[in-house]
Amino acid sequence: MNKSVDDIVKNWHQVESANDYYAISKIMAWALENCQSKFYNRGNKWFFHNKQDATIFMLKYGEKQYNS
């Protein structure tokens, strides 16, 4: 069974960040150090398996949050 990334993250918590191109590596480093569960990044869209990770990320870097 081959699932696409979109199929896997469709029910995850989505947050849009207001980052520019050069901030992505800083934000990624923060997520790798602080998230307790899986996450996925595509541009300024971030998907979190864990709601608490999404909430903390939203408070720090977020502009919009979906699937709360």
Protein backbone atom coordinates (compact mmCIF):
# COMPACT_ATOMS: atom_id res chain seq x y z
CA MET A 1 0.00 0.00 0.00
CA ASN A 2 1.57 3.25 -1.15
CA LYS A 3 0.32 6.32 0.67
CA SER A 4 1.30 9.81 -0.36
CA VAL A 5 2.58 12.34 2.15
CA ASP A 6 -0.69 14.24 1.76
CA ASP A 7 -2.65 11.11 2.75
CA ILE A 8 -0.52 10.66 5.86
CA VAL A 9 -0.70 14.25 7.13
CA LYS A 10 -4.27 15.12 6.10
CA ASN A 11 -5.59 14.69 9.68
CA TRP A 12 -2.58 16.22 11.40
CA HIS A 13 -2.58 19.71 12.91
CA GLN A 14 -1.50 22.30 10.35
CA VAL A 15 0.18 25.61 11.16
CA GLU A 16 1.29 28.27 8.71
CA SER A 17 4.39 30.20 9.70
CA ALA A 18 5.21 33.75 8.67
CA ASN A 19 8.80 32.94 7.86
CA ASP A 20 11.07 34.08 5.09
CA TYR A 21 13.26 31.69 3.15
CA TYR A 22 16.29 32.09 5.42
CA ALA A 23 14.38 31.48 8.66
CA ILE A 24 13.32 27.95 7.67
CA SER A 25 16.56 26.31 8.89
CA LYS A 26 16.26 28.08 12.26
CA ILE A 27 12.63 27.00 12.61
CA MET A 28 13.48 23.43 11.53
CA ALA A 29 16.25 23.25 14.15
CA TRP A 30 13.78 24.41 16.81
CA ALA A 31 11.23 21.77 15.73
CA LEU A 32 13.82 18.97 15.72
CA GLU A 33 14.94 19.89 19.23
CA ASN A 34 11.51 20.51 20.78
CA CYS A 35 8.78 18.43 19.10
CA GLN A 36 7.73 15.27 20.90
CA SER A 37 6.21 13.56 17.85
CA LYS A 38 6.33 13.53 14.07
CA PHE A 39 6.11 16.68 11.98
CA TYR A 40 6.38 17.58 8.32
CA ASN A 41 7.29 20.85 6.63
CA ARG A 42 6.42 22.15 3.17
CA GLY A 43 7.43 25.78 2.69
CA ASN A 44 5.62 27.84 5.29
CA LYS A 45 3.16 25.02 6.06
CA TRP A 46 3.94 22.77 9.00
CA PHE A 47 2.02 19.60 9.92
CA PHE A 48 2.19 18.10 13.41
CA HIS A 49 0.99 14.69 14.54
CA ASN A 50 0.89 15.89 18.16
CA LYS A 51 -1.55 18.71 19.01
CA GLN A 52 0.68 20.03 21.80
CA ASP A 53 3.60 20.34 19.38
CA ALA A 54 1.35 22.26 16.98
CA THR A 55 0.15 24.58 19.73
CA ILE A 56 3.64 25.39 21.01
CA PHE A 57 4.88 25.90 17.45
CA MET A 58 1.91 28.18 16.74
CA LEU A 59 2.73 30.34 19.76
CA LYS A 60 6.36 30.68 18.70
CA TYR A 61 6.24 30.87 14.89
CA GLY A 62 2.65 30.58 13.72
CA GLU A 63 0.45 32.79 11.68
CA LYS A 64 -2.57 30.45 11.23
CA GLN A 65 -3.56 27.12 12.75
CA TYR A 66 -5.91 24.50 11.30
CA ASN A 67 -7.37 21.21 12.61
CA SER A 68 -7.20 22.32 16.23
